[in-house]
Amino acid sequence: MAYGESQHDHHGCEIIYLSARGKQRVLKDAANRNLRRLDKLLDVYVVVGRNGIATVGHRYKRIARP
């Protein structure tokens, strides 16, 4: 979540995801070379509501930005 970008869903929640730039920062900061092989596993998102984390998931489509 520290490297993610946020997008409001206009239903009271916030979606936090790793953009291409965020993935690059994660991989740059990764001390372990094995993490670099896990690039596909970084396609994740978190939905945060008023009461905390609502759900997490794996992205298979782009998140539409206005």
C-alpha atoms as a PDB file:
ATOM      1  CA  MET A   1       0.000   0.000   0.000  1.00  0.00           C
ATOM      2  CA  ALA A   2       2.973   2.290   0.511  1.00  0.00           C
ATOM      3  CA  TYR A   3       3.792   2.190  -3.228  1.00  0.00           C
ATOM      4  CA  GLY A   4       0.227   2.254  -4.536  1.00  0.00           C
ATOM      5  CA  GLU A   5      -1.854   4.914  -6.207  1.00  0.00           C
ATOM      6  CA  SER A   6      -5.394   5.571  -5.089  1.00  0.00           C
ATOM      7  CA  GLN A   7      -8.601   6.052  -7.015  1.00  0.00           C
ATOM      8  CA  HIS A   8     -12.038   6.819  -5.554  1.00  0.00           C
ATOM      9  CA  ASP A   9     -14.844   4.557  -6.747  1.00  0.00           C
ATOM     10  CA  HIS A  10     -17.594   7.172  -6.122  1.00  0.00           C
ATOM     11  CA  HIS A  11     -19.372   4.740  -3.766  1.00  0.00           C
ATOM     12  CA  GLY A  12     -17.538   5.803  -0.617  1.00  0.00           C
ATOM     13  CA  CYS A  13     -14.505   3.524  -1.070  1.00  0.00           C
ATOM     14  CA  GLU A  14     -10.969   4.016  -2.265  1.00  0.00           C
ATOM     15  CA  ILE A  15      -9.115   1.610  -4.571  1.00  0.00           C
ATOM     16  CA  ILE A  16      -5.372   1.367  -4.034  1.00  0.00           C
ATOM     17  CA  TYR A  17      -3.376  -0.380  -6.764  1.00  0.00           C
ATOM     18  CA  LEU A  18       0.139  -0.625  -8.105  1.00  0.00           C
ATOM     19  CA  SER A  19       0.647   1.268 -11.343  1.00  0.00           C
ATOM     20  CA  ALA A  20       3.596   0.559 -13.613  1.00  0.00           C
ATOM     21  CA  ARG A  21       5.542   3.282 -11.796  1.00  0.00           C
ATOM     22  CA  GLY A  22       4.664   1.763  -8.416  1.00  0.00           C
ATOM     23  CA  LYS A  23       5.813  -1.679  -9.558  1.00  0.00           C
ATOM     24  CA  GLN A  24       9.123  -0.205 -10.693  1.00  0.00           C
ATOM     25  CA  ARG A  25       9.642   1.400  -7.284  1.00  0.00           C
ATOM     26  CA  VAL A  26       8.868  -1.891  -5.503  1.00  0.00           C
ATOM     27  CA  LEU A  27      11.303  -3.811  -7.684  1.00  0.00           C
ATOM     28  CA  LYS A  28      13.967  -1.114  -7.319  1.00  0.00           C
ATOM     29  CA  ASP A  29      13.693  -1.218  -3.536  1.00  0.00           C
ATOM     30  CA  ALA A  30      13.632  -5.019  -3.453  1.00  0.00           C
ATOM     31  CA  ALA A  31      16.818  -6.324  -1.908  1.00  0.00           C
ATOM     32  CA  ASN A  32      15.991  -9.897  -2.870  1.00  0.00           C
ATOM     33  CA  ARG A  33      16.480 -10.806  -6.536  1.00  0.00           C
ATOM     34  CA  ASN A  34      13.754 -13.471  -6.296  1.00  0.00           C
ATOM     35  CA  LEU A  35      11.172 -10.732  -5.853  1.00  0.00           C
ATOM     36  CA  ARG A  36      12.002  -9.475  -9.339  1.00  0.00           C
ATOM     37  CA  ARG A  37      10.635 -12.744 -10.745  1.00  0.00           C
ATOM     38  CA  LEU A  38       7.292 -12.099  -9.085  1.00  0.00           C
ATOM     39  CA  ASP A  39       6.336  -9.130 -11.282  1.00  0.00           C
ATOM     40  CA  LYS A  40       2.976 -10.678 -12.268  1.00  0.00           C
ATOM     41  CA  LEU A  41       2.058 -11.090  -8.595  1.00  0.00           C
ATOM     42  CA  LEU A  42       2.225  -7.321  -8.156  1.00  0.00           C
ATOM     43  CA  ASP A  43      -1.032  -6.880 -10.144  1.00  0.00           C
ATOM     44  CA  VAL A  44      -3.093  -6.494  -6.991  1.00  0.00           C
ATOM     45  CA  TYR A  45      -5.553  -4.002  -5.571  1.00  0.00           C
ATOM     46  CA  VAL A  46      -7.050  -3.143  -2.193  1.00  0.00           C
ATOM     47  CA  VAL A  47     -10.489  -1.617  -1.636  1.00  0.00           C
ATOM     48  CA  VAL A  48     -10.599   0.490   1.510  1.00  0.00           C
ATOM     49  CA  GLY A  49     -13.946   1.558   2.948  1.00  0.00           C
ATOM     50  CA  ARG A  50     -14.897   3.680   5.912  1.00  0.00           C
ATOM     51  CA  ASN A  51     -14.379   0.754   8.297  1.00  0.00           C
ATOM     52  CA  GLY A  52     -11.012  -0.359   6.928  1.00  0.00           C
ATOM     53  CA  ILE A  53     -10.025  -2.829   4.233  1.00  0.00           C
ATOM     54  CA  ALA A  54     -13.080  -4.178   2.417  1.00  0.00           C
ATOM     55  CA  THR A  55     -11.422  -6.575  -0.033  1.00  0.00           C
ATOM     56  CA  VAL A  56      -8.238  -7.401  -1.904  1.00  0.00           C
ATOM     57  CA  GLY A  57      -7.838  -9.003  -5.286  1.00  0.00           C
ATOM     58  CA  HIS A  58      -5.745  -9.678  -8.359  1.00  0.00           C
ATOM     59  CA  ARG A  59      -6.145  -7.280 -11.267  1.00  0.00           C
ATOM     60  CA  TYR A  60      -6.768  -8.776 -14.668  1.00  0.00           C
ATOM     61  CA  LYS A  61      -8.113  -5.564 -16.241  1.00  0.00           C
ATOM     62  CA  ARG A  62      -7.025  -1.945 -16.120  1.00  0.00           C
ATOM     63  CA  ILE A  63      -8.561   0.302 -13.495  1.00  0.00           C
ATOM     64  CA  ALA A  64     -10.422   3.038 -15.356  1.00  0.00           C
ATOM     65  CA  ARG A  65      -9.240   6.521 -14.468  1.00  0.00           C
ATOM     66  CA  PRO A  66     -11.315   9.627 -15.147  1.00  0.00           C
END
